[in-house]
Amino acid sequence: MPWPLPKEFMLTAMLTADASCDGSFITGVVSTGIYCLPSCRARKPRPENVVFYQTPVQARAAGLRACLRCRPDDFERGIDPQEQQLEAVLSGLEVREVPTAAALARRLDVGTSKLHALFRQYLQTTPAEWLNRRRVAQVRRHLLTTPHSVGHLAFEAGFESLSAFGMQFRRLCAMTPQGLRALSPGQPFELSLPPGYPVEAMLRELGRDVQQTTARTAGTRWTGVLHLSSRPALVRLEFEARRVRAEVVPTADWTPADSLALHTALLRLLGLSTDPRPFETQLPPHLAALIAGQSGLRPSLVPGEFDGLVWAILGQQVRFQTACLFRRRLLERLSQPVLEGLYAPPQATQILTLSVADLRGVGLTCARAELLLRVAALVADGSLDLTRLARGTATGAERTLRAIPGIGPWTARYVLLRVLGFADVVPLNDSALAGELQRFFDLPRLPGARQQEVLLAPFAPFRSLATLHFWHRAARRNHAPSHHESTREEFS
């Protein structure tokens, strides 16, 4: 039986090789007797020779065989040979061995155009950006754990000049190597803000829950508790036009791992790992109205990855204010305030001390309580490594999350966007997003999931930032928080 999506929509997706439609339908080609994924790059058939099916099973029942190029049966089983090859090569790669994207393409035995397509599809970045981030991450780690000079570490990571290294380090770390190496509790330090950084918008974002118990925002100051490598720490931030002054309340037995965790958390919190300029400059004129009055917006990621996953679960099918209430109650059950009346973000081992009944007392449904305990157990025993997911492919991260009973499309993609930091994610079935899409494109009714994908397609490969802008438009209109402020649909 043909899949009941609009035929014109499926034909367009097939002709443009739209990978976002893989899994939505199967293209059957009666002239050749094969069936393909929508993203197949083989020569396109005539429309009159195409029949669409919901699944490979239906295509096989019609007498068709699987395409050997796009391998739709492997996709159905969650096996993507190209993705597997990419992950296998990158996981064991020493970045100093591949000085350029061309060298990386040779390592993968593909052309440079194919390399860029693979990185865009699976890692949602460019090869050059991936290499720069890996090199800087290596230097950043070794700065805090070895006595080697900055120059030695830069060349060891594969940078060809100190000027190139310095530019990339400051861009991605918001401070100098020497400043990072000197970071310690009780000693003020600074993070540089790029030109056009939206200080006021970020302060509104950080203060979206006026009753939150892990942080507070007052004027240009943010004070919060961050969980570092093995301990919580109170951090104070003072925002200025081009910099943020930071200070950590002195903590005993401070380690280099704490410095690394603190720096990572602040980069995430301040959105400094994302540069919005490529997104803003590539917008065509008819879409540029999206960023009017909002230029420079960047996503503030949840500082702790597990805390972000907790947020996503607490926010399933409820309004933002209700999710905030659940989180406050949860923290009060888990511990006592650390300093200045503020609590530490929840940890997986703490969650596991609670029962379903305890979590029902917080306000969660039985299903949400069981899901929270389920993911806490997976994180605690190492089965679910959120940091590793963030370093892998977006498709692999979504598959891993969706394999957990109780995590549906919205939760998985929300985690990809707000926790793991992928650049091209659409959290389908988000009602705030759907409402803004309806207003922006002057639609007669709310768009469904498939139409949302079509409407957001022109914003690729920056759909995460586009989503953030739509959320902020909703927040400005409703004077409400800037993400998941409305009820979402979630299908688990």
Protein backbone atom coordinates (compact mmCIF):
# COMPACT_ATOMS: atom_id res chain seq x y z
CA MET A 1 0.00 0.00 0.00
CA PRO A 2 1.49 3.41 -0.95
CA TRP A 3 2.39 5.64 1.97
CA PRO A 4 -0.32 8.34 2.30
CA LEU A 5 1.93 11.40 2.21
CA PRO A 6 1.29 13.99 -0.53
CA LYS A 7 2.79 12.60 -3.72
CA GLU A 8 4.26 15.96 -4.74
CA PHE A 9 6.02 16.20 -1.38
CA MET A 10 7.54 12.74 -1.81
CA LEU A 11 8.56 13.42 -5.42
CA THR A 12 10.31 16.64 -4.36
CA ALA A 13 12.11 14.86 -1.52
CA MET A 14 13.19 12.07 -3.86
CA LEU A 15 14.40 14.45 -6.61
CA THR A 16 16.38 16.57 -4.09
CA ALA A 17 17.74 13.49 -2.25
CA ASP A 18 16.40 14.83 1.04
CA ALA A 19 18.00 12.72 3.80
CA SER A 20 15.61 14.12 6.41
CA CYS A 21 12.84 12.05 4.78
CA ASP A 22 14.70 8.74 5.12
CA GLY A 23 12.45 6.49 7.16
CA SER A 24 9.29 8.36 6.13
CA PHE A 25 8.73 6.46 2.89
CA ILE A 26 10.41 4.25 0.30
CA THR A 27 10.81 5.07 -3.39
CA GLY A 28 9.98 2.14 -5.68
CA VAL A 29 11.24 2.33 -9.28
CA VAL A 30 9.18 0.00 -11.43
CA SER A 31 11.37 0.46 -14.53
CA THR A 32 14.45 -0.99 -12.77
CA GLY A 33 12.72 -3.15 -10.16
CA ILE A 34 14.53 -1.59 -7.18
CA TYR A 35 13.52 0.42 -4.12
CA CYS A 36 15.53 3.24 -2.55
CA LEU A 37 15.71 5.71 0.29
CA PRO A 38 14.58 9.26 -0.54
CA SER A 39 18.22 10.36 -0.13
CA CYS A 40 19.58 7.94 -2.74
CA ARG A 41 22.10 9.64 -5.04
CA ALA A 42 21.56 7.29 -7.96
CA ARG A 43 20.24 8.71 -11.23
CA LYS A 44 16.69 9.92 -10.67
CA PRO A 45 13.87 7.97 -12.40
CA ARG A 46 11.02 9.48 -14.36
CA PRO A 47 8.12 10.38 -12.06
CA GLU A 48 5.79 8.07 -13.96
CA ASN A 49 8.08 5.13 -13.06
CA VAL A 50 7.92 5.82 -9.32
CA VAL A 51 5.65 4.21 -6.73
CA PHE A 52 5.96 5.13 -3.07
CA TYR A 53 5.73 2.70 -0.15
CA GLN A 54 5.73 3.06 3.60
CA THR A 55 8.35 0.40 4.33
CA PRO A 56 10.87 -1.85 2.56
CA VAL A 57 8.64 -4.80 3.48
CA GLN A 58 5.87 -3.39 1.30
CA ALA A 59 8.30 -2.71 -1.54
CA ARG A 60 9.61 -6.28 -1.39
CA ALA A 61 6.06 -7.60 -1.36
CA ALA A 62 5.54 -5.71 -4.63
CA GLY A 63 8.44 -7.65 -6.16
CA LEU A 64 11.15 -4.96 -5.88
CA ARG A 65 14.70 -5.48 -4.61
CA ALA A 66 16.87 -3.23 -2.44
CA CYS A 67 19.17 -0.65 -4.03
CA LEU A 68 22.82 -1.58 -3.58
CA ARG A 69 23.86 2.08 -3.43
CA CYS A 70 21.68 3.53 -0.65
CA ARG A 71 20.95 0.15 1.07
CA PRO A 72 17.45 0.86 2.42
CA ASP A 73 17.33 -2.45 4.31
CA ASP A 74 20.42 -1.45 6.29
CA PHE A 75 18.81 1.88 7.09
CA GLU A 76 15.66 0.14 8.32
CA ARG A 77 17.80 -1.94 10.69
CA GLY A 78 19.61 1.18 11.88
CA ILE A 79 22.80 0.26 10.01
CA ASP A 80 24.37 2.95 7.86
CA PRO A 81 27.65 1.77 6.30
CA GLN A 82 28.83 5.30 5.49
CA GLU A 83 28.12 6.48 9.01
CA GLN A 84 29.84 3.43 10.47
CA GLN A 85 32.91 4.00 8.30
CA LEU A 86 33.02 7.69 9.25
CA GLU A 87 32.77 6.97 12.96
CA ALA A 88 35.35 4.16 12.77
CA VAL A 89 37.93 6.35 11.05
CA LEU A 90 37.34 9.47 13.16
CA SER A 91 37.31 7.65 16.50
CA GLY A 92 40.87 6.42 16.05
CA LEU A 93 42.24 9.47 14.26
CA GLU A 94 45.18 11.54 15.49
CA VAL A 95 44.37 15.04 14.26
CA ARG A 96 48.02 15.90 13.69
CA GLU A 97 48.06 13.19 11.00
CA VAL A 98 45.49 15.07 8.87
CA PRO A 99 46.64 18.69 8.40
CA THR A 100 43.83 19.55 5.95
CA ALA A 101 40.34 18.49 4.94
CA ALA A 102 41.85 17.03 1.77
CA ALA A 103 44.08 14.77 3.87
CA LEU A 104 41.03 13.72 5.87
CA ALA A 105 39.20 12.89 2.63
CA ARG A 106 42.10 10.68 1.55
CA ARG A 107 41.98 8.90 4.91
CA LEU A 108 38.29 8.15 4.31
CA ASP A 109 38.94 7.30 0.65
CA VAL A 110 36.39 9.82 -0.63
CA GLY A 111 36.53 13.05 -2.60
CA THR A 112 36.38 16.42 -0.86
CA SER A 113 32.80 17.07 -2.01
CA LYS A 114 31.71 13.72 -0.60
CA LEU A 115 33.60 14.45 2.62
CA HIS A 116 31.71 17.72 3.12
CA ALA A 117 28.40 15.96 2.40
CA LEU A 118 29.15 13.25 4.96
CA PHE A 119 30.13 15.77 7.64
CA ARG A 120 27.05 17.87 7.00
CA GLN A 121 24.72 14.86 7.10
CA TYR A 122 26.14 13.03 10.09
CA LEU A 123 28.17 15.50 12.17
CA GLN A 124 26.33 18.70 11.21
CA THR A 125 29.54 20.65 10.77
CA THR A 126 32.33 21.08 8.22
CA PRO A 127 35.55 19.04 8.09
CA ALA A 128 37.67 22.14 8.74
CA GLU A 129 35.60 23.13 11.77
CA TRP A 130 35.71 19.57 13.11
CA LEU A 131 39.50 19.49 12.79
CA ASN A 132 39.90 22.88 14.46
CA ARG A 133 37.68 21.89 17.37
CA ARG A 134 39.48 18.58 17.87
CA ARG A 135 42.87 20.27 17.80
CA VAL A 136 41.85 22.98 20.25
CA ALA A 137 40.24 20.39 22.54
CA GLN A 138 43.50 18.43 22.62
CA VAL A 139 45.56 21.53 23.44
CA ARG A 140 43.05 22.66 26.05
CA ARG A 141 43.23 19.30 27.83
CA HIS A 142 47.03 19.11 27.76
CA LEU A 143 47.42 22.72 28.90
CA LEU A 144 45.89 21.70 32.22
CA THR A 145 47.59 18.33 32.59
CA THR A 146 51.14 18.77 31.26
CA PRO A 147 53.95 21.34 31.72
CA HIS A 148 54.64 21.61 27.98
CA SER A 149 54.78 25.04 26.38
CA VAL A 150 51.83 26.41 24.46
CA GLY A 151 53.81 26.31 21.22
CA HIS A 152 54.77 22.67 21.72
CA LEU A 153 51.17 21.69 22.33
CA ALA A 154 49.91 23.68 19.34
CA PHE A 155 52.29 22.02 16.89
CA GLU A 156 51.70 18.62 18.49
CA ALA A 157 47.99 19.03 17.76
CA GLY A 158 48.68 19.74 14.09
CA PHE A 159 48.50 23.54 13.88
CA GLU A 160 50.89 24.82 11.24
CA SER A 161 51.51 28.22 12.85
CA LEU A 162 51.14 29.85 16.24
CA SER A 163 49.05 32.66 14.76
CA ALA A 164 46.52 30.18 13.34
CA PHE A 165 46.46 28.35 16.67
CA GLY A 166 45.98 31.55 18.67
CA MET A 167 43.10 32.69 16.50
CA GLN A 168 41.28 29.35 16.75
CA PHE A 169 41.93 28.96 20.48
CA ARG A 170 40.57 32.41 21.32
CA ARG A 171 37.57 31.87 19.02
CA LEU A 172 36.60 28.53 20.56
CA CYS A 173 37.73 29.08 24.15
CA ALA A 174 36.99 32.80 24.70
CA MET A 175 40.30 33.25 26.52
CA THR A 176 44.02 32.84 25.96
CA PRO A 177 45.89 29.58 26.62
CA GLN A 178 47.79 31.28 29.42
CA GLY A 179 44.55 32.47 30.99
CA LEU A 180 43.09 28.97 30.93
CA ARG A 181 46.23 27.46 32.43
CA ALA A 182 46.10 29.98 35.31
CA LEU A 183 42.42 29.35 36.09
CA SER A 184 41.90 28.57 39.78
CA PRO A 185 39.21 29.10 42.45
CA GLY A 186 39.20 32.43 44.21
CA GLN A 187 41.06 34.12 41.34
CA PRO A 188 38.89 36.21 38.96
CA PHE A 189 39.24 35.47 35.27
CA GLU A 190 37.62 36.73 32.08
CA LEU A 191 35.87 35.24 29.06
CA SER A 192 35.86 37.38 25.92
CA LEU A 193 32.55 37.99 24.18
CA PRO A 194 32.54 38.23 20.38
CA PRO A 195 31.31 41.36 18.59
CA GLY A 196 27.54 41.54 18.55
CA TYR A 197 27.09 39.18 21.48
CA PRO A 198 23.50 39.70 22.73
CA VAL A 199 24.14 40.34 26.42
CA GLU A 200 20.58 41.40 27.27
CA ALA A 201 19.01 38.46 25.45
CA MET A 202 21.37 36.02 27.14
CA LEU A 203 20.61 37.44 30.58
CA ARG A 204 16.89 37.03 29.86
CA GLU A 205 17.54 33.46 28.78
CA LEU A 206 19.55 32.66 31.90
CA GLY A 207 16.89 34.21 34.12
CA ARG A 208 13.92 32.61 32.38
CA ASP A 209 12.86 30.81 35.59
CA VAL A 210 12.71 33.58 38.20
CA GLN A 211 12.28 31.02 40.99
CA GLN A 212 15.04 28.62 39.91
CA THR A 213 17.08 27.12 42.73
CA THR A 214 20.38 26.33 40.98
CA ALA A 215 21.06 29.91 39.80
CA ARG A 216 19.79 33.46 40.00
CA THR A 217 20.08 36.44 37.68
CA ALA A 218 20.03 40.03 38.93
CA GLY A 219 20.83 42.87 36.58
CA THR A 220 24.07 41.99 34.81
CA ARG A 221 25.10 39.36 37.36
CA TRP A 222 24.50 35.61 37.21
CA THR A 223 25.25 33.42 40.22
CA GLY A 224 24.86 29.67 40.02
CA VAL A 225 26.04 26.27 41.14
CA LEU A 226 27.79 24.15 38.51
CA HIS A 227 28.74 20.53 39.00
CA LEU A 228 32.37 20.09 38.00
CA SER A 229 34.42 16.89 37.72
CA SER A 230 33.63 15.63 41.20
CA ARG A 231 32.09 18.50 43.14
CA PRO A 232 29.63 21.38 42.92
CA ALA A 233 31.01 24.91 42.89
CA LEU A 234 29.45 28.35 43.18
CA VAL A 235 30.27 30.58 40.21
CA ARG A 236 29.63 34.30 39.82
CA LEU A 237 29.48 35.99 36.41
CA GLU A 238 29.39 39.73 35.73
CA PHE A 239 28.42 40.63 32.14
CA GLU A 240 29.94 43.59 30.33
CA ALA A 241 29.69 44.61 26.68
CA ARG A 242 32.66 42.60 25.43
CA ARG A 243 33.54 40.29 28.30
CA VAL A 244 32.26 38.29 31.23
CA ARG A 245 34.12 38.51 34.52
CA ALA A 246 34.02 35.20 36.38
CA GLU A 247 34.96 33.97 39.81
CA VAL A 248 34.64 30.62 41.58
CA VAL A 249 34.15 30.50 45.32
CA PRO A 250 37.30 28.84 46.74
CA THR A 251 37.01 25.08 46.80
CA ALA A 252 39.38 22.68 48.55
CA ASP A 253 41.39 20.11 46.57
CA TRP A 254 40.88 21.85 43.21
CA THR A 255 42.16 19.76 40.30
CA PRO A 256 42.92 20.38 36.59
CA ALA A 257 39.83 18.31 35.82
CA ASP A 258 37.76 20.87 37.73
CA SER A 259 39.27 23.71 35.68
CA LEU A 260 38.47 21.87 32.44
CA ALA A 261 34.91 21.11 33.58
CA LEU A 262 34.36 24.71 34.67
CA HIS A 263 35.59 26.13 31.40
CA THR A 264 33.46 23.68 29.41
CA ALA A 265 30.35 24.47 31.46
CA LEU A 266 30.78 28.23 30.96
CA LEU A 267 31.29 27.91 27.21
CA ARG A 268 28.07 25.89 27.07
CA LEU A 269 26.13 28.23 29.35
CA LEU A 270 27.13 31.34 27.38
CA GLY A 271 26.63 29.79 23.95
CA LEU A 272 30.24 30.53 23.04
CA SER A 273 30.69 27.29 21.11
CA THR A 274 28.32 28.54 18.39
CA ASP A 275 29.04 31.28 15.87
CA PRO A 276 25.74 32.61 14.49
CA ARG A 277 27.31 34.64 11.68
CA PRO A 278 27.31 31.91 9.00
CA PHE A 279 23.62 31.32 9.68
CA GLU A 280 22.70 34.99 9.60
CA THR A 281 24.67 35.82 6.46
CA GLN A 282 23.27 32.93 4.42
CA LEU A 283 19.61 33.82 5.03
CA PRO A 284 17.87 34.86 1.79
CA PRO A 285 15.96 38.17 1.89
CA HIS A 286 12.53 36.57 2.25
CA LEU A 287 13.66 34.75 5.43
CA ALA A 288 15.84 37.48 6.94
CA ALA A 289 12.88 38.87 8.90
CA LEU A 290 13.35 35.95 11.29
CA ILE A 291 16.41 37.57 12.89
CA ALA A 292 15.06 41.14 12.95
CA GLY A 293 15.83 42.53 16.38
CA GLN A 294 17.46 39.23 17.36
CA SER A 295 20.80 39.19 15.57
CA GLY A 296 23.63 37.46 17.37
CA LEU A 297 21.42 34.96 19.21
CA ARG A 298 23.22 31.77 20.15
CA PRO A 299 21.98 28.72 22.07
CA SER A 300 22.70 28.57 25.78
CA LEU A 301 23.28 24.87 26.34
CA VAL A 302 22.48 23.32 29.70
CA PRO A 303 25.89 23.37 31.47
CA GLY A 304 25.63 19.77 32.66
CA GLU A 305 24.65 17.17 30.08
CA PHE A 306 22.77 14.92 32.51
CA ASP A 307 20.93 17.94 33.92
CA GLY A 308 19.89 18.76 30.35
CA LEU A 309 18.49 15.27 29.89
CA VAL A 310 16.56 15.65 33.16
CA TRP A 311 15.15 18.97 31.89
CA ALA A 312 13.95 17.29 28.70
CA ILE A 313 12.18 14.52 30.60
CA LEU A 314 10.59 16.88 33.12
CA GLY A 315 9.40 19.02 30.21
CA GLN A 316 7.58 16.28 28.31
CA GLN A 317 3.97 17.27 27.61
CA VAL A 318 3.89 20.13 30.15
CA ARG A 319 4.36 23.89 30.06
CA PHE A 320 7.74 25.38 30.87
CA GLN A 321 6.58 26.75 34.21
CA THR A 322 5.41 23.29 35.24
CA ALA A 323 8.76 21.74 34.28
CA CYS A 324 10.49 24.38 36.42
CA LEU A 325 8.26 23.50 39.36
CA PHE A 326 9.04 19.79 38.97
CA ARG A 327 12.78 20.55 38.90
CA ARG A 328 12.63 22.69 42.05
CA ARG A 329 10.76 19.97 43.91
CA LEU A 330 13.22 17.34 42.66
CA LEU A 331 16.26 19.28 43.88
CA GLU A 332 14.68 19.85 47.29
CA ARG A 333 14.17 16.09 47.66
CA LEU A 334 17.72 15.26 46.58
CA SER A 335 19.90 17.53 48.72
CA GLN A 336 20.41 20.67 50.74
CA PRO A 337 21.52 24.04 49.32
CA VAL A 338 25.25 24.25 48.57
CA LEU A 339 25.87 27.97 49.09
CA GLU A 340 23.77 31.14 49.20
CA GLY A 341 20.57 29.08 49.16
CA LEU A 342 21.37 27.52 45.77
CA TYR A 343 21.25 23.81 44.99
CA ALA A 344 23.60 21.73 42.86
CA PRO A 345 22.20 20.32 39.58
CA PRO A 346 20.97 16.73 39.90
CA GLN A 347 23.34 13.81 39.41
CA ALA A 348 22.40 10.36 38.14
CA THR A 349 23.45 8.61 41.35
CA GLN A 350 21.26 10.98 43.36
CA ILE A 351 18.22 10.27 41.19
CA LEU A 352 18.70 6.55 41.82
CA THR A 353 18.18 7.09 45.56
CA LEU A 354 14.54 7.96 44.81
CA SER A 355 11.64 5.63 44.07
CA VAL A 356 8.82 5.95 41.59
CA ALA A 357 6.61 6.99 44.50
CA ASP A 358 9.09 9.73 45.44
CA LEU A 359 9.04 11.06 41.89
CA ARG A 360 5.26 10.86 41.76
CA GLY A 361 5.38 13.14 44.79
CA VAL A 362 7.38 15.64 42.71
CA GLY A 363 4.49 15.69 40.24
CA LEU A 364 5.68 13.30 37.55
CA THR A 365 3.45 10.71 35.99
CA CYS A 366 4.37 7.09 36.61
CA ALA A 367 5.74 6.79 33.05
CA ARG A 368 7.92 9.91 33.43
CA ALA A 369 9.18 8.74 36.83
CA GLU A 370 10.15 5.36 35.41
CA LEU A 371 11.87 7.03 32.46
CA LEU A 372 13.88 9.32 34.74
CA LEU A 373 15.06 6.35 36.81
CA ARG A 374 15.81 4.41 33.63
CA VAL A 375 18.08 7.07 32.12
CA ALA A 376 19.74 7.74 35.50
CA ALA A 377 20.67 4.06 35.73
CA LEU A 378 22.05 4.07 32.17
CA VAL A 379 24.14 7.19 32.84
CA ALA A 380 25.35 5.93 36.22
CA ASP A 381 26.63 2.61 34.87
CA GLY A 382 28.16 4.18 31.75
CA SER A 383 25.76 2.61 29.25
CA LEU A 384 24.60 6.09 28.20
CA ASP A 385 27.59 8.39 27.73
CA LEU A 386 26.21 11.81 26.81
CA THR A 387 29.64 13.35 26.25
CA ARG A 388 30.47 10.59 23.78
CA LEU A 389 27.13 11.09 22.02
CA ALA A 390 27.98 14.77 21.53
CA ARG A 391 31.28 13.84 19.88
CA GLY A 392 29.71 11.31 17.51
CA THR A 393 27.15 11.62 14.76
CA ALA A 394 23.80 13.35 15.19
CA THR A 395 22.01 10.39 13.63
CA GLY A 396 23.76 7.98 15.99
CA ALA A 397 22.90 10.12 19.01
CA GLU A 398 19.24 10.26 18.02
CA ARG A 399 19.10 6.49 17.46
CA THR A 400 20.66 5.86 20.86
CA LEU A 401 18.19 8.15 22.64
CA ARG A 402 15.16 6.86 20.73
CA ALA A 403 16.10 3.30 21.70
CA ILE A 404 15.34 4.15 25.34
CA PRO A 405 11.68 3.35 26.09
CA GLY A 406 9.86 6.58 26.87
CA ILE A 407 12.04 8.87 24.73
CA GLY A 408 10.22 9.93 21.60
CA PRO A 409 11.09 12.27 18.70
CA TRP A 410 10.65 15.56 20.56
CA THR A 411 12.70 14.57 23.60
CA ALA A 412 15.51 13.09 21.51
CA ARG A 413 15.80 16.13 19.25
CA TYR A 414 15.46 18.58 22.11
CA VAL A 415 18.44 16.85 23.75
CA LEU A 416 20.39 17.01 20.49
CA LEU A 417 19.73 20.75 20.25
CA ARG A 418 19.88 22.05 23.84
CA VAL A 419 22.20 19.49 25.44
CA LEU A 420 24.48 17.94 22.82
CA GLY A 421 24.75 21.11 20.74
CA PHE A 422 24.15 19.79 17.21
CA ALA A 423 23.66 22.54 14.66
CA ASP A 424 20.92 21.27 12.35
CA VAL A 425 18.13 19.85 14.52
CA VAL A 426 14.36 20.30 14.26
CA PRO A 427 12.43 19.36 17.44
CA LEU A 428 9.27 18.25 15.68
CA ASN A 429 5.88 18.47 17.44
CA ASP A 430 6.98 21.48 19.51
CA SER A 431 3.83 23.60 19.68
CA ALA A 432 5.67 26.90 20.27
CA LEU A 433 7.72 26.26 17.13
CA ALA A 434 4.63 25.26 15.16
CA GLY A 435 2.79 28.40 16.25
CA GLU A 436 5.63 30.68 15.18
CA LEU A 437 5.99 28.89 11.84
CA GLN A 438 2.28 29.47 11.24
CA ARG A 439 2.65 33.20 11.98
CA PHE A 440 5.92 33.67 10.10
CA PHE A 441 4.71 31.97 6.91
CA ASP A 442 1.10 33.21 7.28
CA LEU A 443 -0.39 29.71 7.20
CA PRO A 444 -4.12 29.03 7.63
CA ARG A 445 -3.48 26.37 10.30
CA LEU A 446 -0.75 24.96 12.50
CA PRO A 447 1.76 22.96 10.42
CA GLY A 448 2.16 19.27 11.22
CA ALA A 449 5.51 17.55 11.63
CA ARG A 450 6.08 16.93 7.92
CA GLN A 451 5.18 20.49 6.98
CA GLN A 452 7.45 21.81 9.73
CA GLU A 453 10.35 19.94 8.15
CA VAL A 454 9.54 21.40 4.73
CA LEU A 455 9.24 24.95 6.11
CA LEU A 456 12.54 24.70 8.00
CA ALA A 457 14.46 23.04 5.15
CA PRO A 458 15.69 26.38 3.69
CA PHE A 459 17.39 27.14 7.02
CA ALA A 460 19.65 24.07 6.77
CA PRO A 461 22.37 23.43 7.86
CA PHE A 462 21.53 25.81 10.74
CA ARG A 463 18.04 24.67 11.73
CA SER A 464 18.93 24.61 15.43
CA LEU A 465 19.60 28.35 15.34
CA ALA A 466 16.46 28.92 13.27
CA THR A 467 14.46 27.03 15.91
CA LEU A 468 16.03 29.16 18.64
CA HIS A 469 14.95 32.31 16.80
CA PHE A 470 11.39 31.05 16.46
CA TRP A 471 11.32 30.22 20.19
CA HIS A 472 12.58 33.71 21.05
CA ARG A 473 9.92 35.28 18.83
CA ALA A 474 7.32 33.34 20.80
CA ALA A 475 8.90 34.45 24.08
CA ARG A 476 8.92 38.11 23.09
CA ARG A 477 5.28 37.90 22.04
CA ASN A 478 4.12 36.07 25.14
CA HIS A 479 6.61 37.60 27.61
CA ALA A 480 7.40 33.98 28.45
CA PRO A 481 10.52 31.80 28.63
CA SER A 482 12.33 31.27 25.39
CA HIS A 483 12.18 27.54 24.99
CA HIS A 484 9.61 24.77 25.30
CA GLU A 485 7.22 27.28 26.86
CA SER A 486 4.15 25.54 25.50
CA THR A 487 2.85 22.01 25.55
CA ARG A 488 4.61 19.65 23.18
CA GLU A 489 3.32 16.46 21.69
CA GLU A 490 5.53 13.50 22.46
CA PHE A 491 5.17 10.09 20.93
CA SER A 492 7.24 7.46 22.68
